[in-house]
């Protein structure tokens, strides 16, 4: 409860006004320039680099064309989020991003209690990525075990069955590409 100096209570509006004022002060203090910045904002890549080659990833799995999906997602993400020109010819690039899809695993995680049928699967992809400067062959970025997971539903109705693993892999490839570009450019 809030009270006035003369012992009376402040009306409800007075308490709300006081709360708004305190909130405004907190926001002003919080947004004032205190010298801090978000980590990872500066690029770790050499400033003279203009082009990056992204050859097709190597597929060590038995999943058809997964390397194409991951390569395309990485190229798209580089084009959308960076200033670098992406080329296929490694000899005309300042750096080369190599990628490999190492394994893909699916496992059931949810079952229908009455039928015992699998209703939800988990797909896990292990990959590795490295960015190498072409001139000096120096590894600028490397992650030997990037792991991405996504779930997908399995329909028990045969008439409306739709294979959900491909959309799950598509989502995963976009998440993978976003993470790779952020790691490479921002140095995480």
N, C-alpha and C. Protein backbone atom coordinates (compact mmCIF):
# COMPACT_ATOMS: atom_id res chain seq x y z
N UNK A 1 0.82 -1.18 0.00
CA UNK A 1 0.00 0.00 0.00
C UNK A 1 0.86 1.24 0.00
N UNK A 2 0.38 2.28 -0.63
CA UNK A 2 1.09 3.55 -0.66
C UNK A 2 0.32 4.57 0.17
N UNK A 3 1.05 5.42 0.89
CA UNK A 3 0.42 6.43 1.74
C UNK A 3 0.96 7.80 1.37
N UNK A 4 0.10 8.79 1.59
CA UNK A 4 0.53 10.18 1.42
C UNK A 4 1.18 10.66 2.71
N UNK A 5 1.82 11.82 2.67
CA UNK A 5 2.45 12.37 3.87
C UNK A 5 1.45 12.64 4.97
N UNK A 6 0.27 13.01 4.58
CA UNK A 6 -0.72 13.35 5.61
C UNK A 6 -1.39 12.11 6.19
N UNK A 7 -0.89 10.89 5.81
CA UNK A 7 -1.42 9.66 6.38
C UNK A 7 -2.47 9.00 5.52
N UNK A 8 -3.00 9.70 4.51
CA UNK A 8 -4.01 9.10 3.64
C UNK A 8 -3.36 8.21 2.58
N UNK A 9 -4.15 7.32 2.03
CA UNK A 9 -3.64 6.42 0.99
C UNK A 9 -3.68 7.11 -0.37
N UNK A 10 -2.69 6.81 -1.20
CA UNK A 10 -2.71 7.29 -2.57
C UNK A 10 -3.76 6.53 -3.35
N UNK A 11 -4.42 7.18 -4.27
CA UNK A 11 -5.36 6.43 -5.10
C UNK A 11 -4.59 5.44 -5.96
N UNK A 12 -5.27 4.43 -6.46
CA UNK A 12 -4.66 3.36 -7.27
C UNK A 12 -3.85 3.94 -8.42
N UNK A 13 -4.32 5.00 -9.04
CA UNK A 13 -3.62 5.63 -10.16
C UNK A 13 -2.26 6.16 -9.75
N UNK A 14 -2.12 6.63 -8.51
CA UNK A 14 -0.84 7.14 -8.04
C UNK A 14 0.20 6.04 -7.96
N UNK A 15 -0.21 4.85 -7.52
CA UNK A 15 0.72 3.72 -7.43
C UNK A 15 1.15 3.27 -8.82
N UNK A 16 0.21 3.29 -9.75
CA UNK A 16 0.53 2.91 -11.13
C UNK A 16 1.49 3.91 -11.74
N UNK A 17 1.24 5.21 -11.49
CA UNK A 17 2.13 6.25 -12.02
C UNK A 17 3.55 6.08 -11.48
N UNK A 18 3.63 5.76 -10.20
CA UNK A 18 4.95 5.57 -9.59
C UNK A 18 5.65 4.36 -10.21
N UNK A 19 4.91 3.29 -10.47
CA UNK A 19 5.49 2.09 -11.09
C UNK A 19 5.96 2.39 -12.50
N UNK A 20 5.19 3.18 -13.24
CA UNK A 20 5.58 3.55 -14.60
C UNK A 20 6.85 4.39 -14.58
N UNK A 21 6.92 5.32 -13.64
CA UNK A 21 8.11 6.17 -13.53
C UNK A 21 9.35 5.34 -13.22
N UNK A 22 9.22 4.40 -12.28
CA UNK A 22 10.36 3.54 -11.94
C UNK A 22 10.76 2.70 -13.15
N UNK A 23 9.77 2.17 -13.88
CA UNK A 23 10.05 1.38 -15.08
C UNK A 23 10.77 2.20 -16.14
N UNK A 24 10.34 3.44 -16.33
CA UNK A 24 10.98 4.32 -17.32
C UNK A 24 12.43 4.60 -16.94
N UNK A 25 12.69 4.80 -15.66
CA UNK A 25 14.06 5.05 -15.20
C UNK A 25 14.93 3.82 -15.46
N UNK A 26 14.39 2.64 -15.17
CA UNK A 26 15.15 1.40 -15.41
C UNK A 26 15.47 1.25 -16.89
N UNK A 27 14.50 1.54 -17.75
CA UNK A 27 14.72 1.42 -19.19
C UNK A 27 15.77 2.42 -19.65
N UNK A 28 15.70 3.66 -19.16
CA UNK A 28 16.68 4.68 -19.56
C UNK A 28 18.08 4.30 -19.12
N UNK A 29 18.21 3.80 -17.90
CA UNK A 29 19.52 3.40 -17.41
C UNK A 29 20.02 2.19 -18.20
N UNK A 30 19.12 1.26 -18.46
CA UNK A 30 19.51 0.04 -19.18
C UNK A 30 19.92 0.28 -20.61
N UNK A 31 19.35 1.30 -21.26
CA UNK A 31 19.67 1.54 -22.66
C UNK A 31 20.72 2.61 -22.86
N UNK A 32 21.15 3.25 -21.78
CA UNK A 32 22.19 4.26 -21.94
C UNK A 32 23.50 3.60 -22.35
N UNK A 33 24.29 4.28 -23.13
CA UNK A 33 25.54 3.71 -23.63
C UNK A 33 26.56 3.55 -22.53
N UNK A 34 26.74 2.32 -22.08
CA UNK A 34 27.67 2.09 -20.99
C UNK A 34 28.94 1.40 -21.47
N UNK A 35 29.11 1.30 -22.78
CA UNK A 35 30.35 0.74 -23.29
C UNK A 35 30.31 -0.74 -23.58
N UNK A 36 29.25 -1.41 -23.23
CA UNK A 36 29.15 -2.84 -23.50
C UNK A 36 28.58 -3.07 -24.88
N UNK A 37 28.93 -4.21 -25.47
CA UNK A 37 28.37 -4.58 -26.77
C UNK A 37 28.17 -6.08 -26.81
N UNK A 38 27.40 -6.52 -27.77
CA UNK A 38 27.11 -7.94 -27.91
C UNK A 38 28.37 -8.66 -28.39
N UNK A 39 28.72 -9.74 -27.73
CA UNK A 39 29.90 -10.51 -28.14
C UNK A 39 29.68 -11.12 -29.50
N UNK A 40 30.75 -11.26 -30.26
CA UNK A 40 30.66 -11.92 -31.54
C UNK A 40 30.23 -11.03 -32.69
N UNK A 41 30.20 -9.74 -32.49
CA UNK A 41 29.76 -8.84 -33.55
C UNK A 41 30.86 -8.57 -34.57
N UNK A 42 32.09 -8.69 -34.19
CA UNK A 42 33.19 -8.43 -35.10
C UNK A 42 33.53 -9.70 -35.86
N UNK A 43 33.87 -9.55 -37.12
CA UNK A 43 34.19 -10.70 -37.95
C UNK A 43 35.62 -11.16 -37.67
N UNK A 44 35.80 -12.49 -37.68
CA UNK A 44 37.15 -13.04 -37.51
C UNK A 44 37.83 -13.26 -38.85
N UNK A 45 37.08 -13.04 -39.93
CA UNK A 45 37.62 -13.28 -41.26
C UNK A 45 38.47 -12.09 -41.70
N UNK A 46 39.53 -12.36 -42.46
CA UNK A 46 40.37 -11.26 -42.95
C UNK A 46 39.56 -10.26 -43.78
N UNK A 47 39.83 -9.01 -43.60
CA UNK A 47 39.04 -7.96 -44.27
C UNK A 47 39.23 -7.94 -45.78
N UNK A 48 40.34 -8.49 -46.26
CA UNK A 48 40.57 -8.48 -47.71
C UNK A 48 39.80 -9.58 -48.45
N UNK A 49 39.20 -10.50 -47.73
CA UNK A 49 38.44 -11.57 -48.38
C UNK A 49 37.14 -11.01 -48.97
N UNK A 50 36.89 -11.39 -50.20
CA UNK A 50 35.66 -10.97 -50.89
C UNK A 50 34.84 -12.16 -51.35
N UNK A 51 35.51 -13.30 -51.60
CA UNK A 51 34.81 -14.47 -52.13
C UNK A 51 35.10 -15.71 -51.29
N UNK A 52 34.09 -16.55 -51.19
CA UNK A 52 34.23 -17.83 -50.49
C UNK A 52 33.66 -18.91 -51.40
N UNK A 53 34.44 -19.96 -51.61
CA UNK A 53 33.95 -21.10 -52.39
C UNK A 53 33.29 -22.08 -51.43
N UNK A 54 32.14 -22.59 -51.85
CA UNK A 54 31.44 -23.60 -51.06
C UNK A 54 31.17 -24.79 -51.98
N UNK A 55 32.17 -25.69 -52.11
CA UNK A 55 31.94 -26.87 -52.93
C UNK A 55 30.92 -27.79 -52.25
N UNK A 56 30.35 -28.69 -53.02
CA UNK A 56 29.35 -29.61 -52.48
C UNK A 56 29.93 -30.36 -51.30
N UNK A 57 29.14 -30.46 -50.24
CA UNK A 57 29.56 -31.21 -49.06
C UNK A 57 29.73 -32.67 -49.43
N UNK A 58 30.54 -33.37 -48.67
CA UNK A 58 30.74 -34.80 -48.86
C UNK A 58 29.70 -35.54 -48.03
N UNK A 59 29.07 -36.54 -48.61
CA UNK A 59 28.04 -37.31 -47.93
C UNK A 59 28.59 -38.68 -47.55
N UNK A 60 28.74 -38.91 -46.24
CA UNK A 60 29.20 -40.20 -45.74
C UNK A 60 28.04 -41.08 -45.28
N UNK A 61 26.82 -40.65 -45.55
CA UNK A 61 25.64 -41.39 -45.11
C UNK A 61 25.02 -42.13 -46.29
N UNK A 62 23.99 -42.89 -46.00
CA UNK A 62 23.25 -43.53 -47.08
C UNK A 62 21.99 -42.75 -47.43
N UNK A 63 21.86 -41.55 -46.90
CA UNK A 63 20.70 -40.69 -47.18
C UNK A 63 20.94 -39.94 -48.48
N UNK A 64 20.06 -40.15 -49.43
CA UNK A 64 20.18 -39.59 -50.77
C UNK A 64 20.09 -38.07 -50.75
N UNK A 65 21.10 -37.41 -51.31
CA UNK A 65 21.15 -35.97 -51.57
C UNK A 65 21.13 -35.08 -50.32
N UNK A 66 21.41 -35.60 -49.18
CA UNK A 66 21.42 -34.76 -47.98
C UNK A 66 22.53 -33.71 -48.07
N UNK A 67 23.65 -34.07 -48.70
CA UNK A 67 24.76 -33.12 -48.83
C UNK A 67 24.36 -31.94 -49.72
N UNK A 68 23.52 -32.17 -50.72
CA UNK A 68 23.05 -31.09 -51.58
C UNK A 68 22.17 -30.12 -50.80
N UNK A 69 21.32 -30.67 -49.96
CA UNK A 69 20.43 -29.85 -49.14
C UNK A 69 21.23 -28.97 -48.19
N UNK A 70 22.24 -29.54 -47.53
CA UNK A 70 23.04 -28.78 -46.58
C UNK A 70 23.92 -27.75 -47.30
N UNK A 71 24.50 -28.13 -48.43
CA UNK A 71 25.32 -27.19 -49.20
C UNK A 71 24.49 -26.00 -49.67
N UNK A 72 23.33 -26.28 -50.23
CA UNK A 72 22.46 -25.20 -50.73
C UNK A 72 22.02 -24.27 -49.61
N UNK A 73 21.73 -24.83 -48.44
CA UNK A 73 21.32 -24.00 -47.31
C UNK A 73 22.45 -23.09 -46.85
N UNK A 74 23.68 -23.60 -46.84
CA UNK A 74 24.82 -22.78 -46.42
C UNK A 74 25.08 -21.67 -47.43
N UNK A 75 25.01 -21.99 -48.72
CA UNK A 75 25.20 -20.97 -49.75
C UNK A 75 24.13 -19.89 -49.61
N UNK A 76 22.89 -20.29 -49.45
CA UNK A 76 21.80 -19.33 -49.30
C UNK A 76 22.02 -18.43 -48.09
N UNK A 77 22.43 -19.01 -46.98
CA UNK A 77 22.64 -18.25 -45.75
C UNK A 77 23.79 -17.25 -45.89
N UNK A 78 24.88 -17.67 -46.53
CA UNK A 78 25.99 -16.74 -46.78
C UNK A 78 25.54 -15.57 -47.63
N UNK A 79 24.77 -15.86 -48.67
CA UNK A 79 24.30 -14.79 -49.56
C UNK A 79 23.34 -13.85 -48.84
N UNK A 80 22.51 -14.41 -47.98
CA UNK A 80 21.50 -13.59 -47.29
C UNK A 80 22.09 -12.77 -46.15
N UNK A 81 23.11 -13.27 -45.47
CA UNK A 81 23.58 -12.62 -44.25
C UNK A 81 24.95 -11.97 -44.31
N UNK A 82 25.68 -12.16 -45.40
CA UNK A 82 27.03 -11.61 -45.45
C UNK A 82 27.26 -10.82 -46.72
N UNK A 83 28.39 -10.18 -46.79
CA UNK A 83 28.78 -9.41 -47.98
C UNK A 83 29.61 -10.24 -48.95
N UNK A 84 29.91 -11.48 -48.59
CA UNK A 84 30.80 -12.30 -49.41
C UNK A 84 30.09 -12.82 -50.65
N UNK A 85 30.86 -12.88 -51.74
CA UNK A 85 30.36 -13.48 -52.96
C UNK A 85 30.70 -14.96 -52.89
N UNK A 86 29.72 -15.81 -53.16
CA UNK A 86 29.91 -17.25 -53.09
C UNK A 86 30.15 -17.78 -54.50
N UNK A 87 31.24 -18.53 -54.64
CA UNK A 87 31.62 -19.08 -55.94
C UNK A 87 31.81 -20.58 -55.82
N UNK A 88 31.76 -21.27 -56.96
CA UNK A 88 31.98 -22.71 -56.94
C UNK A 88 33.44 -23.07 -57.20
N UNK A 89 34.13 -22.26 -57.99
CA UNK A 89 35.52 -22.53 -58.34
C UNK A 89 36.43 -22.16 -57.16
N UNK A 90 37.03 -23.18 -56.58
CA UNK A 90 37.90 -22.96 -55.42
C UNK A 90 39.12 -22.10 -55.76
N UNK A 91 39.60 -22.16 -57.00
CA UNK A 91 40.80 -21.41 -57.40
C UNK A 91 40.55 -19.91 -57.53
N UNK A 92 39.29 -19.51 -57.64
CA UNK A 92 38.99 -18.08 -57.77
C UNK A 92 38.46 -17.48 -56.47
N UNK A 93 38.57 -18.21 -55.38
CA UNK A 93 38.03 -17.74 -54.10
C UNK A 93 39.16 -17.37 -53.15
N UNK A 94 38.83 -16.53 -52.20
CA UNK A 94 39.78 -16.17 -51.14
C UNK A 94 39.85 -17.24 -50.07
N UNK A 95 38.75 -17.99 -49.91
CA UNK A 95 38.68 -19.05 -48.90
C UNK A 95 37.75 -20.15 -49.41
N UNK A 96 37.89 -21.31 -48.81
CA UNK A 96 37.06 -22.45 -49.19
C UNK A 96 36.43 -23.04 -47.93
N UNK A 97 35.11 -23.21 -47.98
CA UNK A 97 34.38 -23.82 -46.87
C UNK A 97 34.11 -25.27 -47.25
N UNK A 98 34.74 -26.19 -46.53
CA UNK A 98 34.56 -27.62 -46.76
C UNK A 98 33.56 -28.14 -45.72
N UNK A 99 32.67 -29.01 -46.17
CA UNK A 99 31.71 -29.60 -45.26
C UNK A 99 31.51 -31.07 -45.54
N UNK A 100 31.20 -31.81 -44.49
CA UNK A 100 30.92 -33.24 -44.63
C UNK A 100 29.72 -33.58 -43.75
N UNK A 101 28.82 -34.36 -44.29
CA UNK A 101 27.73 -34.91 -43.50
C UNK A 101 28.20 -36.29 -43.08
N UNK A 102 28.46 -36.45 -41.79
CA UNK A 102 29.10 -37.67 -41.29
C UNK A 102 28.11 -38.80 -41.04
N UNK A 103 27.05 -38.52 -40.30
CA UNK A 103 26.05 -39.55 -40.00
C UNK A 103 24.67 -38.93 -39.93
N UNK A 104 23.69 -39.77 -40.15
CA UNK A 104 22.30 -39.39 -39.92
C UNK A 104 21.65 -40.58 -39.21
N UNK A 105 20.99 -40.27 -38.12
CA UNK A 105 20.36 -41.31 -37.32
C UNK A 105 18.92 -40.91 -37.04
N UNK A 106 18.03 -41.89 -37.08
CA UNK A 106 16.66 -41.66 -36.67
C UNK A 106 16.32 -42.63 -35.56
N UNK A 107 15.56 -42.12 -34.59
CA UNK A 107 15.15 -42.98 -33.48
C UNK A 107 13.77 -42.56 -33.01
N UNK A 108 12.97 -43.53 -32.61
CA UNK A 108 11.63 -43.21 -32.10
C UNK A 108 11.72 -42.58 -30.72
N UNK A 109 10.87 -41.57 -30.49
CA UNK A 109 10.87 -40.95 -29.16
C UNK A 109 9.49 -40.95 -28.50
N UNK A 110 8.42 -41.04 -29.30
CA UNK A 110 7.08 -41.11 -28.73
C UNK A 110 6.30 -42.23 -29.39
N UNK A 111 5.48 -42.91 -28.58
CA UNK A 111 4.66 -44.01 -29.06
C UNK A 111 3.20 -43.76 -28.70
N UNK A 112 2.30 -44.30 -29.50
CA UNK A 112 0.88 -44.26 -29.19
C UNK A 112 0.64 -45.27 -28.07
N UNK A 113 0.01 -44.83 -26.99
CA UNK A 113 -0.17 -45.69 -25.82
C UNK A 113 -1.10 -46.88 -26.10
N UNK A 114 -2.05 -46.71 -27.00
CA UNK A 114 -2.99 -47.81 -27.25
C UNK A 114 -2.49 -48.79 -28.30
N UNK A 115 -1.87 -48.29 -29.35
CA UNK A 115 -1.43 -49.18 -30.44
C UNK A 115 0.03 -49.58 -30.34
N UNK A 116 0.82 -48.80 -29.63
CA UNK A 116 2.25 -49.09 -29.55
C UNK A 116 3.03 -48.62 -30.76
N UNK A 117 2.35 -47.96 -31.71
CA UNK A 117 3.03 -47.47 -32.91
C UNK A 117 3.81 -46.20 -32.59
N UNK A 118 4.89 -46.02 -33.33
CA UNK A 118 5.71 -44.82 -33.18
C UNK A 118 4.92 -43.64 -33.74
N UNK A 119 4.89 -42.54 -32.98
CA UNK A 119 4.21 -41.33 -33.45
C UNK A 119 5.17 -40.18 -33.70
N UNK A 120 6.33 -40.19 -33.06
CA UNK A 120 7.31 -39.11 -33.24
C UNK A 120 8.71 -39.71 -33.33
N UNK A 121 9.45 -39.23 -34.33
CA UNK A 121 10.82 -39.67 -34.53
C UNK A 121 11.77 -38.49 -34.30
N UNK A 122 12.97 -38.82 -33.91
CA UNK A 122 14.03 -37.82 -33.77
C UNK A 122 15.09 -38.12 -34.80
N UNK A 123 15.44 -37.12 -35.60
CA UNK A 123 16.51 -37.29 -36.58
C UNK A 123 17.70 -36.46 -36.11
N UNK A 124 18.88 -37.07 -36.13
CA UNK A 124 20.12 -36.43 -35.68
C UNK A 124 21.14 -36.50 -36.80
N UNK A 125 21.74 -35.37 -37.11
CA UNK A 125 22.76 -35.30 -38.15
C UNK A 125 24.06 -34.79 -37.52
N UNK A 126 25.14 -35.53 -37.77
CA UNK A 126 26.49 -35.11 -37.36
C UNK A 126 27.21 -34.65 -38.62
N UNK A 127 27.90 -33.53 -38.52
CA UNK A 127 28.63 -33.02 -39.68
C UNK A 127 29.91 -32.36 -39.21
N UNK A 128 30.75 -32.04 -40.18
CA UNK A 128 31.96 -31.29 -39.85
C UNK A 128 32.19 -30.24 -40.93
N UNK A 129 32.74 -29.10 -40.49
CA UNK A 129 32.91 -27.95 -41.37
C UNK A 129 34.26 -27.31 -41.07
N UNK A 130 34.91 -26.85 -42.14
CA UNK A 130 36.14 -26.07 -41.95
C UNK A 130 36.23 -25.00 -43.02
N UNK A 131 36.75 -23.85 -42.65
CA UNK A 131 36.99 -22.75 -43.58
C UNK A 131 38.49 -22.54 -43.65
N UNK A 132 39.03 -22.64 -44.87
CA UNK A 132 40.47 -22.57 -45.08
C UNK A 132 40.78 -21.42 -46.03
N UNK A 133 41.74 -20.59 -45.65
CA UNK A 133 42.21 -19.54 -46.55
C UNK A 133 42.94 -20.17 -47.73
N UNK A 134 42.61 -19.77 -48.92
CA UNK A 134 43.19 -20.41 -50.10
C UNK A 134 44.66 -20.06 -50.28
N UNK A 135 45.03 -18.84 -50.01
CA UNK A 135 46.41 -18.40 -50.24
C UNK A 135 47.41 -19.08 -49.30
N UNK A 136 47.08 -19.14 -48.02
CA UNK A 136 48.04 -19.67 -47.04
C UNK A 136 47.63 -21.04 -46.46
N UNK A 137 46.48 -21.55 -46.88
CA UNK A 137 45.96 -22.85 -46.41
C UNK A 137 45.77 -22.87 -44.88
N UNK A 138 45.60 -21.70 -44.30
CA UNK A 138 45.40 -21.59 -42.85
C UNK A 138 43.92 -21.87 -42.53
N UNK A 139 43.69 -22.72 -41.55
CA UNK A 139 42.32 -23.01 -41.12
C UNK A 139 41.85 -21.85 -40.24
N UNK A 140 40.81 -21.18 -40.70
CA UNK A 140 40.28 -20.02 -39.99
C UNK A 140 39.17 -20.45 -39.04
N UNK A 141 38.41 -21.45 -39.45
CA UNK A 141 37.33 -21.96 -38.61
C UNK A 141 37.23 -23.47 -38.83
N UNK A 142 36.98 -24.19 -37.74
CA UNK A 142 36.79 -25.64 -37.87
C UNK A 142 35.91 -26.14 -36.73
N UNK A 143 34.96 -26.98 -37.09
CA UNK A 143 34.14 -27.68 -36.10
C UNK A 143 34.01 -29.11 -36.60
N UNK A 144 34.61 -30.05 -35.88
CA UNK A 144 34.66 -31.44 -36.34
C UNK A 144 33.43 -32.25 -35.96
N UNK A 145 32.54 -31.70 -35.15
CA UNK A 145 31.33 -32.44 -34.81
C UNK A 145 30.18 -31.48 -34.51
N UNK A 146 29.53 -31.01 -35.55
CA UNK A 146 28.33 -30.21 -35.40
C UNK A 146 27.15 -31.17 -35.36
N UNK A 147 26.33 -31.05 -34.35
CA UNK A 147 25.20 -31.96 -34.18
C UNK A 147 23.90 -31.17 -34.24
N UNK A 148 22.99 -31.63 -35.09
CA UNK A 148 21.68 -31.00 -35.22
C UNK A 148 20.61 -32.06 -35.10
N UNK A 149 19.53 -31.71 -34.37
CA UNK A 149 18.43 -32.64 -34.16
C UNK A 149 17.11 -31.96 -34.49
N UNK A 150 16.17 -32.76 -34.96
CA UNK A 150 14.81 -32.27 -35.18
C UNK A 150 13.85 -33.44 -35.05
N UNK A 151 12.64 -33.13 -34.63
CA UNK A 151 11.61 -34.14 -34.48
C UNK A 151 10.64 -34.06 -35.66
N UNK A 152 10.01 -35.18 -35.96
CA UNK A 152 8.93 -35.16 -36.92
C UNK A 152 7.89 -36.20 -36.54
N UNK A 153 6.67 -35.90 -36.92
CA UNK A 153 5.53 -36.75 -36.60
C UNK A 153 5.35 -37.83 -37.66
N UNK A 154 4.84 -38.96 -37.23
CA UNK A 154 4.48 -40.03 -38.16
C UNK A 154 2.98 -40.22 -38.06
N UNK A 155 2.31 -40.08 -39.19
CA UNK A 155 0.86 -40.23 -39.21
C UNK A 155 0.49 -41.71 -39.18
N UNK A 156 -0.51 -42.04 -38.38
CA UNK A 156 -0.98 -43.42 -38.34
C UNK A 156 -2.10 -43.65 -39.34
N UNK A 157 -2.63 -42.58 -39.90
CA UNK A 157 -3.69 -42.68 -40.90
C UNK A 157 -3.07 -42.87 -42.28
N UNK A 158 -3.29 -44.04 -42.88
CA UNK A 158 -2.66 -44.36 -44.16
C UNK A 158 -3.13 -43.41 -45.26
N UNK A 159 -4.40 -42.99 -45.23
CA UNK A 159 -4.94 -42.10 -46.27
C UNK A 159 -4.28 -40.73 -46.24
N UNK A 160 -3.96 -40.23 -45.06
CA UNK A 160 -3.38 -38.89 -44.96
C UNK A 160 -1.89 -38.94 -44.67
N UNK A 161 -1.26 -40.10 -44.87
CA UNK A 161 0.17 -40.23 -44.55
C UNK A 161 1.01 -39.29 -45.40
N UNK A 162 1.90 -38.62 -44.73
CA UNK A 162 2.84 -37.71 -45.39
C UNK A 162 4.19 -37.91 -44.74
N UNK A 163 5.19 -38.20 -45.52
CA UNK A 163 6.54 -38.42 -45.00
C UNK A 163 7.09 -37.09 -44.45
N UNK A 164 7.29 -37.04 -43.16
CA UNK A 164 7.73 -35.81 -42.50
C UNK A 164 9.24 -35.72 -42.34
N UNK A 165 9.97 -36.77 -42.69
CA UNK A 165 11.42 -36.70 -42.49
C UNK A 165 12.06 -35.66 -43.41
N UNK A 166 11.60 -35.56 -44.64
CA UNK A 166 12.18 -34.56 -45.55
C UNK A 166 11.97 -33.13 -45.07
N UNK A 167 10.76 -32.74 -44.64
CA UNK A 167 10.62 -31.39 -44.06
C UNK A 167 11.48 -31.19 -42.81
N UNK A 168 11.64 -32.23 -42.01
CA UNK A 168 12.50 -32.11 -40.82
C UNK A 168 13.95 -31.87 -41.25
N UNK A 169 14.41 -32.58 -42.27
CA UNK A 169 15.77 -32.37 -42.76
C UNK A 169 15.92 -30.98 -43.38
N UNK A 170 14.88 -30.49 -44.01
CA UNK A 170 14.92 -29.14 -44.58
C UNK A 170 15.06 -28.10 -43.47
N UNK A 171 14.28 -28.24 -42.41
CA UNK A 171 14.40 -27.32 -41.26
C UNK A 171 15.78 -27.42 -40.65
N UNK A 172 16.27 -28.64 -40.51
CA UNK A 172 17.57 -28.86 -39.91
C UNK A 172 18.68 -28.25 -40.77
N UNK A 173 18.57 -28.35 -42.08
CA UNK A 173 19.60 -27.79 -42.95
C UNK A 173 19.63 -26.27 -42.83
N UNK A 174 18.46 -25.63 -42.67
CA UNK A 174 18.43 -24.18 -42.48
C UNK A 174 19.05 -23.79 -41.14
N UNK A 175 18.73 -24.55 -40.07
CA UNK A 175 19.33 -24.29 -38.77
C UNK A 175 20.85 -24.49 -38.81
N UNK A 176 21.27 -25.55 -39.46
CA UNK A 176 22.69 -25.85 -39.63
C UNK A 176 23.39 -24.69 -40.35
N UNK A 177 22.81 -24.25 -41.46
CA UNK A 177 23.42 -23.17 -42.24
C UNK A 177 23.51 -21.88 -41.43
N UNK A 178 22.46 -21.58 -40.70
CA UNK A 178 22.47 -20.38 -39.86
C UNK A 178 23.58 -20.44 -38.82
N UNK A 179 23.74 -21.61 -38.21
CA UNK A 179 24.78 -21.79 -37.19
C UNK A 179 26.18 -21.71 -37.81
N UNK A 180 26.37 -22.35 -38.96
CA UNK A 180 27.68 -22.33 -39.62
C UNK A 180 28.07 -20.90 -39.98
N UNK A 181 27.18 -20.16 -40.60
CA UNK A 181 27.51 -18.79 -41.01
C UNK A 181 27.78 -17.92 -39.78
N UNK A 182 26.98 -18.06 -38.75
CA UNK A 182 27.23 -17.28 -37.53
C UNK A 182 28.57 -17.63 -36.92
N UNK A 183 28.88 -18.92 -36.85
CA UNK A 183 30.16 -19.34 -36.28
C UNK A 183 31.34 -18.84 -37.09
N UNK A 184 31.24 -18.97 -38.40
CA UNK A 184 32.34 -18.57 -39.29
C UNK A 184 32.55 -17.07 -39.26
N UNK A 185 31.50 -16.31 -39.38
CA UNK A 185 31.62 -14.87 -39.51
C UNK A 185 31.87 -14.19 -38.17
N UNK A 186 31.21 -14.67 -37.13
CA UNK A 186 31.28 -13.99 -35.84
C UNK A 186 32.28 -14.63 -34.88
N UNK A 187 32.83 -15.76 -35.24
CA UNK A 187 33.89 -16.36 -34.43
C UNK A 187 33.44 -17.09 -33.19
N UNK A 188 32.26 -17.66 -33.19
CA UNK A 188 31.81 -18.41 -32.02
C UNK A 188 32.32 -19.83 -32.06
